[in-house]
Amino acid sequence: MTKLSINEKMERAIEIFVVLFGLYILIQILRAIFSGSWTTEDLIIGLLIFNLGSIFTVVISVAQLKSDHNHLKEQFKSLVSDFKS
């Protein structure tokens, strides 16, 4: 089992929290359809918060991939300069 850095642990914790919150909102939507638990405004606010959390996790992933790509770009530049000399 590999050790995870603090950033990876935080990212996983945020992803788990967003998934659990999404499941909670889904349960509330089903309860609203069948028997009514939350008001419509509360469901809409919950869905907006879930959407915001999802976008946040996607942005973290994209930023991480972009930074990894920039790191590789610098390594390839140094590799090319080594082959030229």
PDB file of N, CA and C in Angstrom:
ATOM      1  N   MET A   1       0.839  -1.172   0.000  1.00  0.00           N
ATOM      2  CA  MET A   1       0.000   0.000   0.000  1.00  0.00           C
ATOM      3  C   MET A   1       0.885   1.237   0.000  1.00  0.00           C
ATOM      4  N   THR A   2       0.609   2.176  -0.905  1.00  0.00           N
ATOM      5  CA  THR A   2       1.439   3.363  -1.013  1.00  0.00           C
ATOM      6  C   THR A   2       0.992   4.425  -0.024  1.00  0.00           C
ATOM      7  N   LYS A   3       1.951   5.222   0.403  1.00  0.00           N
ATOM      8  CA  LYS A   3       1.638   6.318   1.308  1.00  0.00           C
ATOM      9  C   LYS A   3       1.095   7.487   0.501  1.00  0.00           C
ATOM     10  N   LEU A   4       0.068   8.108   1.012  1.00  0.00           N
ATOM     11  CA  LEU A   4      -0.524   9.263   0.350  1.00  0.00           C
ATOM     12  C   LEU A   4      -0.025  10.531   1.022  1.00  0.00           C
ATOM     13  N   SER A   5       0.203  11.567   0.209  1.00  0.00           N
ATOM     14  CA  SER A   5       0.603  12.845   0.781  1.00  0.00           C
ATOM     15  C   SER A   5      -0.621  13.522   1.391  1.00  0.00           C
ATOM     16  N   ILE A   6      -0.371  14.584   2.109  1.00  0.00           N
ATOM     17  CA  ILE A   6      -1.467  15.308   2.767  1.00  0.00           C
ATOM     18  C   ILE A   6      -2.426  15.880   1.725  1.00  0.00           C
ATOM     19  N   ASN A   7      -1.895  16.376   0.607  1.00  0.00           N
ATOM     20  CA  ASN A   7      -2.760  16.925  -0.439  1.00  0.00           C
ATOM     21  C   ASN A   7      -3.663  15.846  -1.026  1.00  0.00           C
ATOM     22  N   GLU A   8      -3.118  14.666  -1.260  1.00  0.00           N
ATOM     23  CA  GLU A   8      -3.919  13.571  -1.807  1.00  0.00           C
ATOM     24  C   GLU A   8      -4.974  13.125  -0.808  1.00  0.00           C
ATOM     25  N   LYS A   9      -4.624  13.113   0.477  1.00  0.00           N
ATOM     26  CA  LYS A   9      -5.597  12.744   1.502  1.00  0.00           C
ATOM     27  C   LYS A   9      -6.729  13.760   1.562  1.00  0.00           C
ATOM     28  N   MET A  10      -6.394  15.039   1.475  1.00  0.00           N
ATOM     29  CA  MET A  10      -7.418  16.076   1.495  1.00  0.00           C
ATOM     30  C   MET A  10      -8.308  15.972   0.264  1.00  0.00           C
ATOM     31  N   GLU A  11      -7.705  15.712  -0.888  1.00  0.00           N
ATOM     32  CA  GLU A  11      -8.478  15.577  -2.119  1.00  0.00           C
ATOM     33  C   GLU A  11      -9.439  14.388  -2.024  1.00  0.00           C
ATOM     34  N   ARG A  12      -8.965  13.277  -1.525  1.00  0.00           N
ATOM     35  CA  ARG A  12      -9.832  12.097  -1.362  1.00  0.00           C
ATOM     36  C   ARG A  12     -10.944  12.376  -0.351  1.00  0.00           C
ATOM     37  N   ALA A  13     -10.603  13.068   0.745  1.00  0.00           N
ATOM     38  CA  ALA A  13     -11.615  13.387   1.753  1.00  0.00           C
ATOM     39  C   ALA A  13     -12.695  14.297   1.169  1.00  0.00           C
ATOM     40  N   ILE A  14     -12.297  15.271   0.366  1.00  0.00           N
ATOM     41  CA  ILE A  14     -13.269  16.164  -0.270  1.00  0.00           C
ATOM     42  C   ILE A  14     -14.141  15.383  -1.240  1.00  0.00           C
ATOM     43  N   GLU A  15     -13.530  14.494  -2.029  1.00  0.00           N
ATOM     44  CA  GLU A  15     -14.310  13.689  -2.969  1.00  0.00           C
ATOM     45  C   GLU A  15     -15.318  12.808  -2.238  1.00  0.00           C
ATOM     46  N   ILE A  16     -14.905  12.183  -1.150  1.00  0.00           N
ATOM     47  CA  ILE A  16     -15.815  11.333  -0.379  1.00  0.00           C
ATOM     48  C   ILE A  16     -16.949  12.164   0.206  1.00  0.00           C
ATOM     49  N   PHE A  17     -16.611  13.351   0.728  1.00  0.00           N
ATOM     50  CA  PHE A  17     -17.633  14.227   1.289  1.00  0.00           C
ATOM     51  C   PHE A  17     -18.642  14.652   0.226  1.00  0.00           C
ATOM     52  N   VAL A  18     -18.171  14.998  -0.965  1.00  0.00           N
ATOM     53  CA  VAL A  18     -19.075  15.416  -2.041  1.00  0.00           C
ATOM     54  C   VAL A  18     -19.974  14.259  -2.460  1.00  0.00           C
ATOM     55  N   VAL A  19     -19.431  13.051  -2.551  1.00  0.00           N
ATOM     56  CA  VAL A  19     -20.250  11.889  -2.921  1.00  0.00           C
ATOM     57  C   VAL A  19     -21.304  11.615  -1.856  1.00  0.00           C
ATOM     58  N   LEU A  20     -20.916  11.657  -0.591  1.00  0.00           N
ATOM     59  CA  LEU A  20     -21.884  11.428   0.483  1.00  0.00           C
ATOM     60  C   LEU A  20     -22.961  12.505   0.502  1.00  0.00           C
ATOM     61  N   PHE A  21     -22.560  13.744   0.274  1.00  0.00           N
ATOM     62  CA  PHE A  21     -23.535  14.828   0.223  1.00  0.00           C
ATOM     63  C   PHE A  21     -24.479  14.646  -0.960  1.00  0.00           C
ATOM     64  N   GLY A  22     -23.952  14.192  -2.096  1.00  0.00           N
ATOM     65  CA  GLY A  22     -24.786  13.922  -3.259  1.00  0.00           C
ATOM     66  C   GLY A  22     -25.796  12.822  -2.988  1.00  0.00           C
ATOM     67  N   LEU A  23     -25.368  11.773  -2.294  1.00  0.00           N
ATOM     68  CA  LEU A  23     -26.299  10.705  -1.927  1.00  0.00           C
ATOM     69  C   LEU A  23     -27.378  11.206  -0.973  1.00  0.00           C
ATOM     70  N   TYR A  24     -26.997  12.065  -0.045  1.00  0.00           N
ATOM     71  CA  TYR A  24     -27.965  12.644   0.883  1.00  0.00           C
ATOM     72  C   TYR A  24     -28.992  13.492   0.130  1.00  0.00           C
ATOM     73  N   ILE A  25     -28.533  14.293  -0.816  1.00  0.00           N
ATOM     74  CA  ILE A  25     -29.449  15.107  -1.623  1.00  0.00           C
ATOM     75  C   ILE A  25     -30.357  14.204  -2.446  1.00  0.00           C
ATOM     76  N   LEU A  26     -29.823  13.123  -2.999  1.00  0.00           N
ATOM     77  CA  LEU A  26     -30.643  12.184  -3.772  1.00  0.00           C
ATOM     78  C   LEU A  26     -31.742  11.571  -2.909  1.00  0.00           C
ATOM     79  N   ILE A  27     -31.396  11.191  -1.691  1.00  0.00           N
ATOM     80  CA  ILE A  27     -32.402  10.644  -0.773  1.00  0.00           C
ATOM     81  C   ILE A  27     -33.476  11.683  -0.482  1.00  0.00           C
ATOM     82  N   GLN A  28     -33.063  12.935  -0.273  1.00  0.00           N
ATOM     83  CA  GLN A  28     -34.033  13.988   0.005  1.00  0.00           C
ATOM     84  C   GLN A  28     -34.938  14.246  -1.202  1.00  0.00           C
ATOM     85  N   ILE A  29     -34.380  14.165  -2.408  1.00  0.00           N
ATOM     86  CA  ILE A  29     -35.192  14.349  -3.617  1.00  0.00           C
ATOM     87  C   ILE A  29     -36.216  13.224  -3.726  1.00  0.00           C
ATOM     88  N   LEU A  30     -35.779  11.987  -3.488  1.00  0.00           N
ATOM     89  CA  LEU A  30     -36.714  10.864  -3.543  1.00  0.00           C
ATOM     90  C   LEU A  30     -37.791  10.987  -2.471  1.00  0.00           C
ATOM     91  N   ARG A  31     -37.396  11.437  -1.288  1.00  0.00           N
ATOM     92  CA  ARG A  31     -38.395  11.643  -0.228  1.00  0.00           C
ATOM     93  C   ARG A  31     -39.361  12.747  -0.600  1.00  0.00           C
ATOM     94  N   ALA A  32     -38.872  13.798  -1.274  1.00  0.00           N
ATOM     95  CA  ALA A  32     -39.748  14.890  -1.692  1.00  0.00           C
ATOM     96  C   ALA A  32     -40.719  14.416  -2.763  1.00  0.00           C
ATOM     97  N   ILE A  33     -40.270  13.535  -3.635  1.00  0.00           N
ATOM     98  CA  ILE A  33     -41.144  13.023  -4.694  1.00  0.00           C
ATOM     99  C   ILE A  33     -42.232  12.133  -4.110  1.00  0.00           C
ATOM    100  N   PHE A  34     -41.868  11.256  -3.192  1.00  0.00           N
ATOM    101  CA  PHE A  34     -42.811  10.270  -2.700  1.00  0.00           C
ATOM    102  C   PHE A  34     -43.612  10.720  -1.486  1.00  0.00           C
ATOM    103  N   SER A  35     -43.018  11.501  -0.600  1.00  0.00           N
ATOM    104  CA  SER A  35     -43.786  11.878   0.591  1.00  0.00           C
ATOM    105  C   SER A  35     -43.598  13.339   0.982  1.00  0.00           C
ATOM    106  N   GLY A  36     -42.519  13.952   0.578  1.00  0.00           N
ATOM    107  CA  GLY A  36     -42.281  15.353   0.905  1.00  0.00           C
ATOM    108  C   GLY A  36     -41.512  15.514   2.201  1.00  0.00           C
ATOM    109  N   SER A  37     -40.279  15.944   2.093  1.00  0.00           N
ATOM    110  CA  SER A  37     -39.482  16.168   3.301  1.00  0.00           C
ATOM    111  C   SER A  37     -38.957  17.599   3.317  1.00  0.00           C
ATOM    112  N   TRP A  38     -38.237  17.989   2.316  1.00  0.00           N
ATOM    113  CA  TRP A  38     -37.708  19.343   2.214  1.00  0.00           C
ATOM    114  C   TRP A  38     -38.590  20.163   1.285  1.00  0.00           C
ATOM    115  N   THR A  39     -38.510  21.466   1.433  1.00  0.00           N
ATOM    116  CA  THR A  39     -39.208  22.336   0.491  1.00  0.00           C
ATOM    117  C   THR A  39     -38.403  22.403  -0.799  1.00  0.00           C
ATOM    118  N   THR A  40     -39.019  22.902  -1.839  1.00  0.00           N
ATOM    119  CA  THR A  40     -38.354  22.995  -3.137  1.00  0.00           C
ATOM    120  C   THR A  40     -37.116  23.880  -3.063  1.00  0.00           C
ATOM    121  N   GLU A  41     -37.209  24.970  -2.320  1.00  0.00           N
ATOM    122  CA  GLU A  41     -36.064  25.886  -2.196  1.00  0.00           C
ATOM    123  C   GLU A  41     -34.877  25.200  -1.529  1.00  0.00           C
ATOM    124  N   ASP A  42     -35.161  24.401  -0.516  1.00  0.00           N
ATOM    125  CA  ASP A  42     -34.074  23.688   0.168  1.00  0.00           C
ATOM    126  C   ASP A  42     -33.410  22.675  -0.758  1.00  0.00           C
ATOM    127  N   LEU A  43     -34.207  21.990  -1.568  1.00  0.00           N
ATOM    128  CA  LEU A  43     -33.631  21.038  -2.525  1.00  0.00           C
ATOM    129  C   LEU A  43     -32.767  21.748  -3.561  1.00  0.00           C
ATOM    130  N   ILE A  44     -33.231  22.891  -4.044  1.00  0.00           N
ATOM    131  CA  ILE A  44     -32.462  23.639  -5.049  1.00  0.00           C
ATOM    132  C   ILE A  44     -31.147  24.129  -4.448  1.00  0.00           C
ATOM    133  N   ILE A  45     -31.201  24.640  -3.230  1.00  0.00           N
ATOM    134  CA  ILE A  45     -29.966  25.104  -2.569  1.00  0.00           C
ATOM    135  C   ILE A  45     -29.011  23.930  -2.347  1.00  0.00           C
ATOM    136  N   GLY A  46     -29.546  22.781  -1.940  1.00  0.00           N
ATOM    137  CA  GLY A  46     -28.708  21.596  -1.764  1.00  0.00           C
ATOM    138  C   GLY A  46     -28.054  21.156  -3.059  1.00  0.00           C
ATOM    139  N   LEU A  47     -28.826  21.191  -4.152  1.00  0.00           N
ATOM    140  CA  LEU A  47     -28.253  20.821  -5.452  1.00  0.00           C
ATOM    141  C   LEU A  47     -27.194  21.821  -5.903  1.00  0.00           C
ATOM    142  N   LEU A  48     -27.402  23.100  -5.628  1.00  0.00           N
ATOM    143  CA  LEU A  48     -26.390  24.106  -5.977  1.00  0.00           C
ATOM    144  C   LEU A  48     -25.103  23.897  -5.186  1.00  0.00           C
ATOM    145  N   ILE A  49     -25.232  23.565  -3.914  1.00  0.00           N
ATOM    146  CA  ILE A  49     -24.040  23.302  -3.099  1.00  0.00           C
ATOM    147  C   ILE A  49     -23.328  22.048  -3.597  1.00  0.00           C
ATOM    148  N   PHE A  50     -24.094  21.009  -3.956  1.00  0.00           N
ATOM    149  CA  PHE A  50     -23.494  19.800  -4.508  1.00  0.00           C
ATOM    150  C   PHE A  50     -22.772  20.102  -5.817  1.00  0.00           C
ATOM    151  N   ASN A  51     -23.374  20.922  -6.662  1.00  0.00           N
ATOM    152  CA  ASN A  51     -22.747  21.319  -7.926  1.00  0.00           C
ATOM    153  C   ASN A  51     -21.454  22.089  -7.669  1.00  0.00           C
ATOM    154  N   LEU A  52     -21.471  22.975  -6.705  1.00  0.00           N
ATOM    155  CA  LEU A  52     -20.270  23.735  -6.355  1.00  0.00           C
ATOM    156  C   LEU A  52     -19.164  22.816  -5.855  1.00  0.00           C
ATOM    157  N   GLY A  53     -19.507  21.853  -5.022  1.00  0.00           N
ATOM    158  CA  GLY A  53     -18.514  20.893  -4.533  1.00  0.00           C
ATOM    159  C   GLY A  53     -17.945  20.037  -5.649  1.00  0.00           C
ATOM    160  N   SER A  54     -18.801  19.631  -6.586  1.00  0.00           N
ATOM    161  CA  SER A  54     -18.330  18.834  -7.727  1.00  0.00           C
ATOM    162  C   SER A  54     -17.371  19.629  -8.592  1.00  0.00           C
ATOM    163  N   ILE A  55     -17.723  20.875  -8.863  1.00  0.00           N
ATOM    164  CA  ILE A  55     -16.845  21.733  -9.670  1.00  0.00           C
ATOM    165  C   ILE A  55     -15.519  21.941  -8.956  1.00  0.00           C
ATOM    166  N   PHE A  56     -15.559  22.108  -7.641  1.00  0.00           N
ATOM    167  CA  PHE A  56     -14.338  22.303  -6.862  1.00  0.00           C
ATOM    168  C   PHE A  56     -13.401  21.103  -6.999  1.00  0.00           C
ATOM    169  N   THR A  57     -13.936  19.899  -6.908  1.00  0.00           N
ATOM    170  CA  THR A  57     -13.080  18.717  -7.028  1.00  0.00           C
ATOM    171  C   THR A  57     -12.545  18.551  -8.449  1.00  0.00           C
ATOM    172  N   VAL A  58     -13.345  18.902  -9.449  1.00  0.00           N
ATOM    173  CA  VAL A  58     -12.869  18.821 -10.835  1.00  0.00           C
ATOM    174  C   VAL A  58     -11.749  19.838 -11.066  1.00  0.00           C
ATOM    175  N   VAL A  59     -11.895  21.037 -10.528  1.00  0.00           N
ATOM    176  CA  VAL A  59     -10.863  22.070 -10.698  1.00  0.00           C
ATOM    177  C   VAL A  59      -9.567  21.644 -10.014  1.00  0.00           C
ATOM    178  N   ILE A  60      -9.667  21.025  -8.848  1.00  0.00           N
ATOM    179  CA  ILE A  60      -8.458  20.537  -8.174  1.00  0.00           C
ATOM    180  C   ILE A  60      -7.757  19.499  -9.049  1.00  0.00           C
ATOM    181  N   SER A  61      -8.519  18.584  -9.629  1.00  0.00           N
ATOM    182  CA  SER A  61      -7.930  17.546 -10.486  1.00  0.00           C
ATOM    183  C   SER A  61      -7.287  18.148 -11.722  1.00  0.00           C
ATOM    184  N   VAL A  62      -7.950  19.114 -12.350  1.00  0.00           N
ATOM    185  CA  VAL A  62      -7.397  19.752 -13.548  1.00  0.00           C
ATOM    186  C   VAL A  62      -6.125  20.519 -13.208  1.00  0.00           C
ATOM    187  N   ALA A  63      -6.134  21.230 -12.095  1.00  0.00           N
ATOM    188  CA  ALA A  63      -4.936  21.976 -11.694  1.00  0.00           C
ATOM    189  C   ALA A  63      -3.769  21.031 -11.423  1.00  0.00           C
ATOM    190  N   GLN A  64      -4.057  19.895 -10.812  1.00  0.00           N
ATOM    191  CA  GLN A  64      -3.004  18.924 -10.541  1.00  0.00           C
ATOM    192  C   GLN A  64      -2.448  18.350 -11.842  1.00  0.00           C
ATOM    193  N   LEU A  65      -3.325  18.019 -12.781  1.00  0.00           N
ATOM    194  CA  LEU A  65      -2.862  17.493 -14.066  1.00  0.00           C
ATOM    195  C   LEU A  65      -2.054  18.528 -14.835  1.00  0.00           C
ATOM    196  N   LYS A  66      -2.489  19.785 -14.781  1.00  0.00           N
ATOM    197  CA  LYS A  66      -1.775  20.841 -15.486  1.00  0.00           C
ATOM    198  C   LYS A  66      -0.388  21.053 -14.888  1.00  0.00           C
ATOM    199  N   SER A  67      -0.295  21.009 -13.555  1.00  0.00           N
ATOM    200  CA  SER A  67       1.017  21.189 -12.931  1.00  0.00           C
ATOM    201  C   SER A  67       1.929  20.006 -13.245  1.00  0.00           C
ATOM    202  N   ASP A  68       1.377  18.801 -13.291  1.00  0.00           N
ATOM    203  CA  ASP A  68       2.178  17.632 -13.663  1.00  0.00           C
ATOM    204  C   ASP A  68       2.667  17.763 -15.097  1.00  0.00           C
ATOM    205  N   HIS A  69       1.829  18.282 -15.977  1.00  0.00           N
ATOM    206  CA  HIS A  69       2.210  18.474 -17.380  1.00  0.00           C
ATOM    207  C   HIS A  69       3.332  19.506 -17.495  1.00  0.00           C
ATOM    208  N   ASN A  70       3.247  20.599 -16.740  1.00  0.00           N
ATOM    209  CA  ASN A  70       4.306  21.605 -16.774  1.00  0.00           C
ATOM    210  C   ASN A  70       5.630  21.032 -16.267  1.00  0.00           C
ATOM    211  N   HIS A  71       5.572  20.176 -15.278  1.00  0.00           N
ATOM    212  CA  HIS A  71       6.785  19.540 -14.761  1.00  0.00           C
ATOM    213  C   HIS A  71       7.416  18.655 -15.840  1.00  0.00           C
ATOM    214  N   LEU A  72       6.591  17.897 -16.548  1.00  0.00           N
ATOM    215  CA  LEU A  72       7.113  17.051 -17.625  1.00  0.00           C
ATOM    216  C   LEU A  72       7.691  17.895 -18.761  1.00  0.00           C
ATOM    217  N   LYS A  73       7.062  19.014 -19.037  1.00  0.00           N
ATOM    218  CA  LYS A  73       7.528  19.895 -20.097  1.00  0.00           C
ATOM    219  C   LYS A  73       8.956  20.385 -19.808  1.00  0.00           C
ATOM    220  N   GLU A  74       9.207  20.748 -18.557  1.00  0.00           N
ATOM    221  CA  GLU A  74      10.548  21.194 -18.181  1.00  0.00           C
ATOM    222  C   GLU A  74      11.556  20.047 -18.282  1.00  0.00           C
ATOM    223  N   GLN A  75      11.146  18.847 -17.915  1.00  0.00           N
ATOM    224  CA  GLN A  75      12.051  17.703 -18.013  1.00  0.00           C
ATOM    225  C   GLN A  75      12.389  17.397 -19.465  1.00  0.00           C
ATOM    226  N   PHE A  76      11.418  17.493 -20.356  1.00  0.00           N
ATOM    227  CA  PHE A  76      11.684  17.233 -21.770  1.00  0.00           C
ATOM    228  C   PHE A  76      12.590  18.305 -22.371  1.00  0.00           C
ATOM    229  N   LYS A  77      12.445  19.561 -21.920  1.00  0.00           N
ATOM    230  CA  LYS A  77      13.344  20.618 -22.414  1.00  0.00           C
ATOM    231  C   LYS A  77      14.776  20.324 -22.012  1.00  0.00           C
ATOM    232  N   SER A  78      14.982  19.889 -20.773  1.00  0.00           N
ATOM    233  CA  SER A  78      16.349  19.588 -20.338  1.00  0.00           C
ATOM    234  C   SER A  78      16.879  18.343 -21.055  1.00  0.00           C
ATOM    235  N   LEU A  79      16.015  17.382 -21.353  1.00  0.00           N
ATOM    236  CA  LEU A  79      16.423  16.196 -22.080  1.00  0.00           C
ATOM    237  C   LEU A  79      16.855  16.552 -23.501  1.00  0.00           C
ATOM    238  N   VAL A  80      16.111  17.421 -24.158  1.00  0.00           N
ATOM    239  CA  VAL A  80      16.449  17.857 -25.513  1.00  0.00           C
ATOM    240  C   VAL A  80      17.768  18.604 -25.517  1.00  0.00           C
ATOM    241  N   SER A  81      17.969  19.467 -24.517  1.00  0.00           N
ATOM    242  CA  SER A  81      19.238  20.198 -24.463  1.00  0.00           C
ATOM    243  C   SER A  81      20.405  19.258 -24.206  1.00  0.00           C
ATOM    244  N   ASP A  82      20.206  18.177 -23.453  1.00  0.00           N
ATOM    245  CA  ASP A  82      21.267  17.186 -23.244  1.00  0.00           C
ATOM    246  C   ASP A  82      21.623  16.464 -24.532  1.00  0.00           C
ATOM    247  N   PHE A  83      20.606  16.133 -25.346  1.00  0.00           N
ATOM    248  CA  PHE A  83      20.879  15.445 -26.603  1.00  0.00           C
ATOM    249  C   PHE A  83      21.557  16.365 -27.612  1.00  0.00           C
ATOM    250  N   LYS A  84      21.269  17.650 -27.584  1.00  0.00           N
ATOM    251  CA  LYS A  84      21.876  18.593 -28.529  1.00  0.00           C
ATOM    252  C   LYS A  84      23.337  18.830 -28.214  1.00  0.00           C
ATOM    253  N   SER A  85      23.693  18.762 -26.965  1.00  0.00           N
ATOM    254  CA  SER A  85      25.093  19.055 -26.638  1.00  0.00           C
ATOM    255  C   SER A  85      25.983  17.849 -26.663  1.00  0.00           C
TER     256      SER A  85
END
